All heavy atoms as atom14 arrays in JSON, in Angstrom:
{
  "sequence": "GSLRLSCTASVRKYSFSSYDMGWFRQASGKEREFVAAINWGRGGAV",
  "atom14_mask": [
    [1, 1, 1, 1, 0, 0, 0, 0, 0, 0, 0, 0, 0, 0],
    [1, 1, 1, 1, 1, 1, 0, 0, 0, 0, 0, 0, 0, 0],
    [1, 1, 1, 1, 1, 1, 1, 1, 0, 0, 0, 0, 0, 0],
    [1, 1, 1, 1, 1, 1, 1, 1, 1, 1, 1, 0, 0, 0],
    [1, 1, 1, 1, 1, 1, 1, 1, 0, 0, 0, 0, 0, 0],
    [1, 1, 1, 1, 1, 1, 0, 0, 0, 0, 0, 0, 0, 0],
    [1, 1, 1, 1, 1, 1, 0, 0, 0, 0, 0, 0, 0, 0],
    [1, 1, 1, 1, 1, 1, 1, 0, 0, 0, 0, 0, 0, 0],
    [1, 1, 1, 1, 1, 0, 0, 0, 0, 0, 0, 0, 0, 0],
    [1, 1, 1, 1, 1, 1, 0, 0, 0, 0, 0, 0, 0, 0],
    [1, 1, 1, 1, 1, 1, 1, 0, 0, 0, 0, 0, 0, 0],
    [1, 1, 1, 1, 1, 1, 1, 1, 1, 1, 1, 0, 0, 0],
    [1, 1, 1, 1, 1, 1, 1, 1, 1, 0, 0, 0, 0, 0],
    [1, 1, 1, 1, 1, 1, 1, 1, 1, 1, 1, 1, 0, 0],
    [1, 1, 1, 1, 1, 1, 0, 0, 0, 0, 0, 0, 0, 0],
    [1, 1, 1, 1, 1, 1, 1, 1, 1, 1, 1, 0, 0, 0],
    [1, 1, 1, 1, 1, 1, 0, 0, 0, 0, 0, 0, 0, 0],
    [1, 1, 1, 1, 1, 1, 0, 0, 0, 0, 0, 0, 0, 0],
    [1, 1, 1, 1, 1, 1, 1, 1, 1, 1, 1, 1, 0, 0],
    [1, 1, 1, 1, 1, 1, 1, 1, 0, 0, 0, 0, 0, 0],
    [1, 1, 1, 1, 1, 1, 1, 1, 0, 0, 0, 0, 0, 0],
    [1, 1, 1, 1, 0, 0, 0, 0, 0, 0, 0, 0, 0, 0],
    [1, 1, 1, 1, 1, 1, 1, 1, 1, 1, 1, 1, 1, 1],
    [1, 1, 1, 1, 1, 1, 1, 1, 1, 1, 1, 0, 0, 0],
    [1, 1, 1, 1, 1, 1, 1, 1, 1, 1, 1, 0, 0, 0],
    [1, 1, 1, 1, 1, 1, 1, 1, 1, 0, 0, 0, 0, 0],
    [1, 1, 1, 1, 1, 0, 0, 0, 0, 0, 0, 0, 0, 0],
    [1, 1, 1, 1, 1, 1, 0, 0, 0, 0, 0, 0, 0, 0],
    [1, 1, 1, 1, 0, 0, 0, 0, 0, 0, 0, 0, 0, 0],
    [1, 1, 1, 1, 1, 1, 1, 1, 1, 0, 0, 0, 0, 0],
    [1, 1, 1, 1, 1, 1, 1, 1, 1, 0, 0, 0, 0, 0],
    [1, 1, 1, 1, 1, 1, 1, 1, 1, 1, 1, 0, 0, 0],
    [1, 1, 1, 1, 1, 1, 1, 1, 1, 0, 0, 0, 0, 0],
    [1, 1, 1, 1, 1, 1, 1, 1, 1, 1, 1, 0, 0, 0],
    [1, 1, 1, 1, 1, 1, 1, 0, 0, 0, 0, 0, 0, 0],
    [1, 1, 1, 1, 1, 0, 0, 0, 0, 0, 0, 0, 0, 0],
    [1, 1, 1, 1, 1, 0, 0, 0, 0, 0, 0, 0, 0, 0],
    [1, 1, 1, 1, 1, 1, 1, 1, 0, 0, 0, 0, 0, 0],
    [1, 1, 1, 1, 1, 1, 1, 1, 0, 0, 0, 0, 0, 0],
    [1, 1, 1, 1, 1, 1, 1, 1, 1, 1, 1, 1, 1, 1],
    [1, 1, 1, 1, 0, 0, 0, 0, 0, 0, 0, 0, 0, 0],
    [1, 1, 1, 1, 1, 1, 1, 1, 1, 1, 1, 0, 0, 0],
    [1, 1, 1, 1, 0, 0, 0, 0, 0, 0, 0, 0, 0, 0],
    [1, 1, 1, 1, 0, 0, 0, 0, 0, 0, 0, 0, 0, 0],
    [1, 1, 1, 1, 1, 0, 0, 0, 0, 0, 0, 0, 0, 0],
    [1, 1, 1, 1, 1, 1, 1, 0, 0, 0, 0, 0, 0, 0]
  ],
  "atom14_positions": [
    [[95.13, 109.53, 136.28], [94.06, 110.3, 135.62], [94.01, 111.86, 135.92], [94.92, 112.22, 136.67], [0.0, 0.0, 0.0], [0.0, 0.0, 0.0], [0.0, 0.0, 0.0], [0.0, 0.0, 0.0], [0.0, 0.0, 0.0], [0.0, 0.0, 0.0], [0.0, 0.0, 0.0], [0.0, 0.0, 0.0], [0.0, 0.0, 0.0], [0.0, 0.0, 0.0]],
    [[93.12, 112.52, 135.4], [92.99, 114.05, 135.58], [91.61, 114.35, 135.97], [90.64, 113.64, 135.68], [93.36, 114.61, 134.29], [94.67, 114.35, 133.87], [0.0, 0.0, 0.0], [0.0, 0.0, 0.0], [0.0, 0.0, 0.0], [0.0, 0.0, 0.0], [0.0, 0.0, 0.0], [0.0, 0.0, 0.0], [0.0, 0.0, 0.0], [0.0, 0.0, 0.0]],
    [[91.57, 115.47, 136.67], [90.29, 116.04, 136.99], [90.5, 117.69, 137.0], [91.7, 118.12, 137.19], [89.8, 115.73, 138.39], [89.24, 114.39, 138.64], [88.93, 114.1, 140.18], [87.87, 114.23, 137.85], [0.0, 0.0, 0.0], [0.0, 0.0, 0.0], [0.0, 0.0, 0.0], [0.0, 0.0, 0.0], [0.0, 0.0, 0.0], [0.0, 0.0, 0.0]],
    [[89.49, 118.39, 136.73], [89.56, 119.79, 136.83], [88.49, 120.32, 137.83], [87.34, 120.07, 137.61], [89.42, 120.51, 135.54], [89.71, 122.0, 135.64], [89.58, 122.77, 134.32], [88.25, 122.98, 133.95], [87.89, 124.01, 133.1], [88.8, 124.89, 132.54], [86.63, 124.23, 132.74], [0.0, 0.0, 0.0], [0.0, 0.0, 0.0], [0.0, 0.0, 0.0]],
    [[88.95, 120.89, 138.85], [88.02, 121.53, 139.91], [87.65, 122.91, 139.42], [88.59, 123.64, 138.96], [88.64, 121.46, 141.28], [89.06, 120.06, 141.72], [89.59, 120.21, 143.22], [87.96, 119.02, 141.66], [0.0, 0.0, 0.0], [0.0, 0.0, 0.0], [0.0, 0.0, 0.0], [0.0, 0.0, 0.0], [0.0, 0.0, 0.0], [0.0, 0.0, 0.0]],
    [[86.48, 123.39, 139.8], [86.16, 124.77, 139.45], [85.52, 125.31, 140.85], [84.91, 124.61, 141.62], [85.07, 124.83, 138.47], [85.47, 124.29, 137.17], [0.0, 0.0, 0.0], [0.0, 0.0, 0.0], [0.0, 0.0, 0.0], [0.0, 0.0, 0.0], [0.0, 0.0, 0.0], [0.0, 0.0, 0.0], [0.0, 0.0, 0.0], [0.0, 0.0, 0.0]],
    [[85.78, 126.56, 140.98], [85.15, 127.23, 142.13], [84.65, 128.64, 141.64], [85.44, 129.46, 141.2], [86.15, 127.47, 143.26], [85.58, 128.42, 144.66], [0.0, 0.0, 0.0], [0.0, 0.0, 0.0], [0.0, 0.0, 0.0], [0.0, 0.0, 0.0], [0.0, 0.0, 0.0], [0.0, 0.0, 0.0], [0.0, 0.0, 0.0], [0.0, 0.0, 0.0]],
    [[83.32, 128.79, 141.72], [82.75, 130.06, 141.26], [82.29, 130.91, 142.48], [81.74, 130.39, 143.42], [81.53, 129.67, 140.36], [81.89, 128.94, 139.25], [80.84, 131.02, 139.85], [0.0, 0.0, 0.0], [0.0, 0.0, 0.0], [0.0, 0.0, 0.0], [0.0, 0.0, 0.0], [0.0, 0.0, 0.0], [0.0, 0.0, 0.0], [0.0, 0.0, 0.0]],
    [[82.65, 132.22, 142.34], [82.37, 133.1, 143.49], [81.28, 134.07, 143.26], [80.94, 134.42, 142.05], [83.71, 133.94, 143.69], [0.0, 0.0, 0.0], [0.0, 0.0, 0.0], [0.0, 0.0, 0.0], [0.0, 0.0, 0.0], [0.0, 0.0, 0.0], [0.0, 0.0, 0.0], [0.0, 0.0, 0.0], [0.0, 0.0, 0.0], [0.0, 0.0, 0.0]],
    [[80.55, 134.29, 144.22], [79.44, 135.31, 144.25], [80.04, 136.46, 145.13], [80.21, 136.21, 146.37], [78.17, 134.72, 144.77], [77.24, 135.78, 144.9], [0.0, 0.0, 0.0], [0.0, 0.0, 0.0], [0.0, 0.0, 0.0], [0.0, 0.0, 0.0], [0.0, 0.0, 0.0], [0.0, 0.0, 0.0], [0.0, 0.0, 0.0], [0.0, 0.0, 0.0]],
    [[80.3, 137.53, 144.58], [80.9, 138.67, 145.3], [80.01, 139.89, 145.28], [79.23, 140.07, 144.29], [82.25, 139.06, 144.75], [83.26, 137.88, 144.99], [82.28, 139.44, 143.34], [0.0, 0.0, 0.0], [0.0, 0.0, 0.0], [0.0, 0.0, 0.0], [0.0, 0.0, 0.0], [0.0, 0.0, 0.0], [0.0, 0.0, 0.0], [0.0, 0.0, 0.0]],
    [[80.04, 140.73, 146.27], [79.19, 141.98, 146.33], [80.05, 143.24, 146.4], [79.91, 144.18, 145.53], [78.25, 141.89, 147.44], [77.23, 140.8, 147.33], [76.25, 140.81, 148.42], [75.14, 139.77, 148.26], [74.14, 139.67, 149.02], [74.08, 140.46, 150.12], [73.22, 138.71, 148.79], [0.0, 0.0, 0.0], [0.0, 0.0, 0.0], [0.0, 0.0, 0.0]],
    [[80.88, 143.34, 147.48], [81.52, 144.67, 147.78], [82.62, 144.9, 146.82], [82.8, 146.04, 146.29], [82.1, 144.59, 149.16], [82.55, 145.96, 149.7], [82.94, 145.88, 151.12], [83.36, 147.27, 151.65], [83.67, 147.16, 153.1], [0.0, 0.0, 0.0], [0.0, 0.0, 0.0], [0.0, 0.0, 0.0], [0.0, 0.0, 0.0], [0.0, 0.0, 0.0]],
    [[83.49, 143.88, 146.54], [84.6, 144.07, 145.63], [84.53, 143.17, 144.42], [83.88, 142.19, 144.42], [85.97, 143.87, 146.35], [86.07, 144.66, 147.6], [85.88, 144.18, 148.86], [86.39, 146.03, 147.45], [86.1, 144.97, 149.96], [86.58, 146.91, 148.64], [86.43, 146.37, 149.83], [86.61, 147.1, 151.02], [0.0, 0.0, 0.0], [0.0, 0.0, 0.0]],
    [[85.26, 143.52, 143.32], [85.28, 142.69, 142.15], [86.0, 141.38, 142.51], [86.9, 141.33, 143.32], [85.81, 143.35, 140.99], [87.18, 143.66, 141.32], [0.0, 0.0, 0.0], [0.0, 0.0, 0.0], [0.0, 0.0, 0.0], [0.0, 0.0, 0.0], [0.0, 0.0, 0.0], [0.0, 0.0, 0.0], [0.0, 0.0, 0.0], [0.0, 0.0, 0.0]],
    [[85.69, 140.33, 141.75], [86.32, 139.04, 141.98], [87.85, 139.14, 141.76], [88.63, 138.53, 142.47], [85.76, 137.99, 141.0], [86.49, 136.69, 140.92], [86.18, 135.83, 142.0], [87.28, 136.36, 139.99], [86.83, 134.54, 142.01], [87.94, 135.13, 139.97], [87.77, 134.24, 141.01], [0.0, 0.0, 0.0], [0.0, 0.0, 0.0], [0.0, 0.0, 0.0]],
    [[88.26, 139.99, 140.86], [89.69, 140.17, 140.55], [90.41, 140.76, 141.69], [91.63, 140.71, 141.64], [89.91, 141.0, 139.28], [89.34, 142.32, 139.47], [0.0, 0.0, 0.0], [0.0, 0.0, 0.0], [0.0, 0.0, 0.0], [0.0, 0.0, 0.0], [0.0, 0.0, 0.0], [0.0, 0.0, 0.0], [0.0, 0.0, 0.0], [0.0, 0.0, 0.0]],
    [[89.78, 141.27, 142.76], [90.42, 141.83, 143.91], [90.79, 140.81, 144.95], [91.32, 141.16, 146.03], [89.58, 142.97, 144.52], [89.31, 143.98, 143.58], [0.0, 0.0, 0.0], [0.0, 0.0, 0.0], [0.0, 0.0, 0.0], [0.0, 0.0, 0.0], [0.0, 0.0, 0.0], [0.0, 0.0, 0.0], [0.0, 0.0, 0.0], [0.0, 0.0, 0.0]],
    [[90.39, 139.55, 144.72], [90.56, 138.52, 145.71], [91.55, 137.51, 145.4], [91.75, 137.06, 144.2], [89.26, 137.71, 145.92], [88.21, 138.49, 146.65], [87.32, 139.3, 145.92], [88.01, 138.46, 148.03], [86.39, 140.12, 146.59], [87.04, 139.19, 148.63], [86.17, 140.05, 147.9], [85.2, 140.72, 148.56], [0.0, 0.0, 0.0], [0.0, 0.0, 0.0]],
    [[92.53, 137.27, 146.35], [93.36, 136.04, 146.2], [92.49, 134.81, 146.27], [91.5, 134.79, 147.08], [94.34, 136.0, 147.36], [95.38, 137.08, 147.37], [95.71, 137.64, 146.29], [95.99, 137.34, 148.42], [0.0, 0.0, 0.0], [0.0, 0.0, 0.0], [0.0, 0.0, 0.0], [0.0, 0.0, 0.0], [0.0, 0.0, 0.0], [0.0, 0.0, 0.0]],
    [[92.75, 133.85, 145.46], [91.99, 132.64, 145.48], [92.91, 131.43, 145.82], [94.08, 131.39, 145.26], [91.26, 132.4, 144.19], [90.29, 133.54, 143.78], [88.97, 133.72, 144.95], [88.13, 132.13, 144.8], [0.0, 0.0, 0.0], [0.0, 0.0, 0.0], [0.0, 0.0, 0.0], [0.0, 0.0, 0.0], [0.0, 0.0, 0.0], [0.0, 0.0, 0.0]],
    [[92.36, 130.39, 146.56], [93.3, 129.31, 146.86], [92.47, 127.99, 146.88], [91.26, 127.98, 146.93], [0.0, 0.0, 0.0], [0.0, 0.0, 0.0], [0.0, 0.0, 0.0], [0.0, 0.0, 0.0], [0.0, 0.0, 0.0], [0.0, 0.0, 0.0], [0.0, 0.0, 0.0], [0.0, 0.0, 0.0], [0.0, 0.0, 0.0], [0.0, 0.0, 0.0]],
    [[93.28, 126.95, 146.95], [92.68, 125.57, 147.09], [93.46, 124.92, 148.31], [94.64, 125.02, 148.38], [92.89, 124.8, 145.83], [91.96, 125.04, 144.7], [92.29, 125.87, 143.6], [90.62, 124.68, 144.47], [91.16, 126.0, 142.76], [90.2, 125.27, 143.26], [89.78, 123.9, 145.17], [88.9, 125.06, 142.78], [88.54, 123.7, 144.7], [88.09, 124.3, 143.58]],
    [[92.66, 124.26, 149.1], [93.23, 123.41, 150.19], [92.56, 122.05, 150.08], [91.59, 121.91, 149.44], [92.81, 124.01, 151.5], [93.67, 125.25, 151.89], [93.48, 126.52, 151.22], [94.61, 125.21, 152.83], [94.18, 127.64, 151.52], [95.4, 126.39, 153.14], [95.12, 127.51, 152.55], [0.0, 0.0, 0.0], [0.0, 0.0, 0.0], [0.0, 0.0, 0.0]],
    [[93.17, 121.15, 150.82], [92.52, 119.79, 150.76], [92.67, 119.13, 152.21], [93.55, 119.47, 152.93], [93.11, 118.91, 149.71], [94.67, 118.49, 149.95], [95.21, 117.73, 148.78], [96.56, 117.42, 149.06], [97.32, 116.81, 148.1], [96.78, 116.53, 146.92], [98.53, 116.44, 148.42], [0.0, 0.0, 0.0], [0.0, 0.0, 0.0], [0.0, 0.0, 0.0]],
    [[91.66, 118.32, 152.5], [91.73, 117.62, 153.75], [91.45, 116.21, 153.49], [90.41, 115.84, 153.2], [90.73, 118.26, 154.71], [90.83, 117.73, 156.13], [90.05, 118.57, 157.07], [89.19, 119.38, 156.72], [90.25, 118.43, 158.31], [0.0, 0.0, 0.0], [0.0, 0.0, 0.0], [0.0, 0.0, 0.0], [0.0, 0.0, 0.0], [0.0, 0.0, 0.0]],
    [[92.4, 115.32, 153.86], [92.23, 113.91, 153.71], [91.63, 113.48, 155.05], [91.73, 114.07, 156.16], [93.56, 113.17, 153.5], [0.0, 0.0, 0.0], [0.0, 0.0, 0.0], [0.0, 0.0, 0.0], [0.0, 0.0, 0.0], [0.0, 0.0, 0.0], [0.0, 0.0, 0.0], [0.0, 0.0, 0.0], [0.0, 0.0, 0.0], [0.0, 0.0, 0.0]],
    [[90.98, 112.22, 155.03], [90.32, 111.76, 156.21], [91.34, 111.53, 157.45], [92.46, 110.93, 157.21], [89.79, 110.37, 155.88], [89.06, 109.76, 156.98], [0.0, 0.0, 0.0], [0.0, 0.0, 0.0], [0.0, 0.0, 0.0], [0.0, 0.0, 0.0], [0.0, 0.0, 0.0], [0.0, 0.0, 0.0], [0.0, 0.0, 0.0], [0.0, 0.0, 0.0]],
    [[90.98, 112.16, 158.49], [91.91, 112.05, 159.64], [93.06, 112.92, 159.71], [93.87, 112.84, 160.62], [0.0, 0.0, 0.0], [0.0, 0.0, 0.0], [0.0, 0.0, 0.0], [0.0, 0.0, 0.0], [0.0, 0.0, 0.0], [0.0, 0.0, 0.0], [0.0, 0.0, 0.0], [0.0, 0.0, 0.0], [0.0, 0.0, 0.0], [0.0, 0.0, 0.0]],
    [[93.15, 113.83, 158.71], [94.27, 114.7, 158.66], [93.87, 116.24, 158.67], [92.72, 116.5, 158.47], [95.15, 114.47, 157.4], [95.78, 113.03, 157.34], [96.7, 112.88, 156.1], [97.37, 111.51, 156.19], [98.28, 111.34, 155.06], [0.0, 0.0, 0.0], [0.0, 0.0, 0.0], [0.0, 0.0, 0.0], [0.0, 0.0, 0.0], [0.0, 0.0, 0.0]],
    [[94.77, 117.07, 158.87], [94.51, 118.4, 158.89], [94.43, 118.95, 157.54], [94.95, 118.45, 156.53], [95.62, 119.25, 159.68], [95.6, 118.85, 161.13], [96.45, 119.89, 161.89], [97.19, 120.62, 161.28], [96.58, 119.74, 163.14], [0.0, 0.0, 0.0], [0.0, 0.0, 0.0], [0.0, 0.0, 0.0], [0.0, 0.0, 0.0], [0.0, 0.0, 0.0]],
    [[93.81, 120.08, 157.35], [93.58, 120.71, 156.03], [94.95, 121.31, 155.59], [95.57, 121.96, 156.44], [92.49, 121.83, 156.12], [92.0, 122.39, 154.75], [90.88, 123.32, 154.94], [89.71, 122.57, 155.49], [88.49, 123.15, 155.6], [88.37, 124.38, 155.18], [87.54, 122.45, 156.13], [0.0, 0.0, 0.0], [0.0, 0.0, 0.0], [0.0, 0.0, 0.0]],
    [[95.33, 121.09, 154.34], [96.6, 121.47, 153.86], [96.52, 122.37, 152.62], [95.61, 122.21, 151.92], [97.57, 120.33, 153.7], [97.1, 119.47, 152.53], [98.13, 118.33, 152.26], [99.18, 118.29, 152.86], [97.86, 117.54, 151.31], [0.0, 0.0, 0.0], [0.0, 0.0, 0.0], [0.0, 0.0, 0.0], [0.0, 0.0, 0.0], [0.0, 0.0, 0.0]],
    [[97.36, 123.23, 152.51], [97.45, 124.09, 151.33], [97.81, 123.33, 150.09], [98.68, 122.43, 150.09], [98.56, 125.19, 151.57], [98.87, 126.02, 150.35], [98.06, 127.06, 150.04], [99.99, 125.73, 149.59], [98.35, 127.89, 148.88], [100.33, 126.47, 148.51], [99.49, 127.64, 148.13], [0.0, 0.0, 0.0], [0.0, 0.0, 0.0], [0.0, 0.0, 0.0]],
    [[97.15, 123.69, 148.9], [97.46, 123.0, 147.73], [98.02, 124.03, 146.73], [99.07, 123.83, 146.13], [96.22, 122.38, 147.11], [96.52, 121.82, 145.73], [95.66, 121.28, 148.05], [0.0, 0.0, 0.0], [0.0, 0.0, 0.0], [0.0, 0.0, 0.0], [0.0, 0.0, 0.0], [0.0, 0.0, 0.0], [0.0, 0.0, 0.0], [0.0, 0.0, 0.0]],
    [[97.25, 125.12, 146.52], [97.72, 126.14, 145.53], [96.99, 127.45, 145.78], [95.94, 127.4, 146.37], [97.49, 125.69, 144.07], [0.0, 0.0, 0.0], [0.0, 0.0, 0.0], [0.0, 0.0, 0.0], [0.0, 0.0, 0.0], [0.0, 0.0, 0.0], [0.0, 0.0, 0.0], [0.0, 0.0, 0.0], [0.0, 0.0, 0.0], [0.0, 0.0, 0.0]],
    [[97.54, 128.55, 145.27], [96.94, 129.8, 145.4], [97.36, 130.71, 144.24], [98.4, 130.54, 143.68], [97.2, 130.5, 146.69], [0.0, 0.0, 0.0], [0.0, 0.0, 0.0], [0.0, 0.0, 0.0], [0.0, 0.0, 0.0], [0.0, 0.0, 0.0], [0.0, 0.0, 0.0], [0.0, 0.0, 0.0], [0.0, 0.0, 0.0], [0.0, 0.0, 0.0]],
    [[96.47, 131.65, 143.85], [96.72, 132.58, 142.85], [96.32, 133.99, 143.37], [95.3, 134.19, 143.92], [95.97, 132.18, 141.56], [96.4, 133.04, 140.32], [94.42, 132.18, 141.76], [95.92, 132.46, 139.05], [0.0, 0.0, 0.0], [0.0, 0.0, 0.0], [0.0, 0.0, 0.0], [0.0, 0.0, 0.0], [0.0, 0.0, 0.0], [0.0, 0.0, 0.0]],
    [[97.19, 134.99, 143.16], [96.92, 136.19, 143.72], [96.01, 137.09, 142.8], [95.77, 136.83, 141.67], [98.21, 136.96, 144.1], [98.92, 137.55, 142.89], [98.51, 137.52, 141.76], [100.16, 138.11, 143.22], [0.0, 0.0, 0.0], [0.0, 0.0, 0.0], [0.0, 0.0, 0.0], [0.0, 0.0, 0.0], [0.0, 0.0, 0.0], [0.0, 0.0, 0.0]],
    [[95.63, 138.18, 143.47], [94.69, 139.16, 142.83], [95.16, 139.98, 141.77], [94.41, 140.36, 140.89], [94.0, 139.94, 143.96], [94.96, 141.04, 144.43], [96.02, 140.88, 145.34], [94.99, 142.28, 143.95], [96.66, 142.03, 145.4], [96.14, 142.95, 144.72], [94.26, 143.16, 143.05], [96.49, 144.38, 144.46], [94.64, 144.52, 142.88], [95.72, 145.0, 143.53]],
    [[96.42, 140.26, 141.76], [96.97, 141.25, 140.85], [97.36, 140.68, 139.53], [96.56, 140.54, 138.58], [0.0, 0.0, 0.0], [0.0, 0.0, 0.0], [0.0, 0.0, 0.0], [0.0, 0.0, 0.0], [0.0, 0.0, 0.0], [0.0, 0.0, 0.0], [0.0, 0.0, 0.0], [0.0, 0.0, 0.0], [0.0, 0.0, 0.0], [0.0, 0.0, 0.0]],
    [[98.6, 140.25, 139.44], [99.07, 139.77, 138.2], [98.82, 138.24, 138.03], [99.2, 137.63, 137.05], [100.54, 140.03, 138.05], [100.94, 141.48, 138.01], [102.4, 141.74, 137.79], [102.71, 143.16, 137.76], [103.86, 143.61, 137.6], [104.94, 142.8, 137.41], [104.08, 144.95, 137.55], [0.0, 0.0, 0.0], [0.0, 0.0, 0.0], [0.0, 0.0, 0.0]],
    [[98.12, 137.77, 139.0], [97.74, 136.28, 138.92], [98.88, 135.39, 139.07], [98.89, 134.23, 138.61], [0.0, 0.0, 0.0], [0.0, 0.0, 0.0], [0.0, 0.0, 0.0], [0.0, 0.0, 0.0], [0.0, 0.0, 0.0], [0.0, 0.0, 0.0], [0.0, 0.0, 0.0], [0.0, 0.0, 0.0], [0.0, 0.0, 0.0], [0.0, 0.0, 0.0]],
    [[99.92, 135.83, 139.88], [100.95, 134.95, 140.22], [100.53, 133.74, 141.02], [99.62, 133.93, 141.86], [0.0, 0.0, 0.0], [0.0, 0.0, 0.0], [0.0, 0.0, 0.0], [0.0, 0.0, 0.0], [0.0, 0.0, 0.0], [0.0, 0.0, 0.0], [0.0, 0.0, 0.0], [0.0, 0.0, 0.0], [0.0, 0.0, 0.0], [0.0, 0.0, 0.0]],
    [[101.05, 132.56, 140.76], [100.64, 131.33, 141.41], [101.63, 130.68, 142.2], [102.85, 130.84, 141.93], [100.02, 130.39, 140.41], [0.0, 0.0, 0.0], [0.0, 0.0, 0.0], [0.0, 0.0, 0.0], [0.0, 0.0, 0.0], [0.0, 0.0, 0.0], [0.0, 0.0, 0.0], [0.0, 0.0, 0.0], [0.0, 0.0, 0.0], [0.0, 0.0, 0.0]],
    [[101.26, 129.99, 143.22], [102.15, 129.21, 144.11], [101.48, 127.82, 144.3], [100.25, 127.77, 144.52], [102.49, 129.96, 145.37], [101.26, 130.15, 146.21], [103.49, 129.11, 146.16], [0.0, 0.0, 0.0], [0.0, 0.0, 0.0], [0.0, 0.0, 0.0], [0.0, 0.0, 0.0], [0.0, 0.0, 0.0], [0.0, 0.0, 0.0], [0.0, 0.0, 0.0]]
  ]
}
């Protein structure tokens, strides 16, 4: 199946576009791990 997660930011000092944004996940009993990130500039993703 599929799901779409959303994350909405409330920012004050800088515009939202100036922030790198990322997703991590943590399974029960495990450490938090990197899932994906998108950078602030051209929106390059990893």
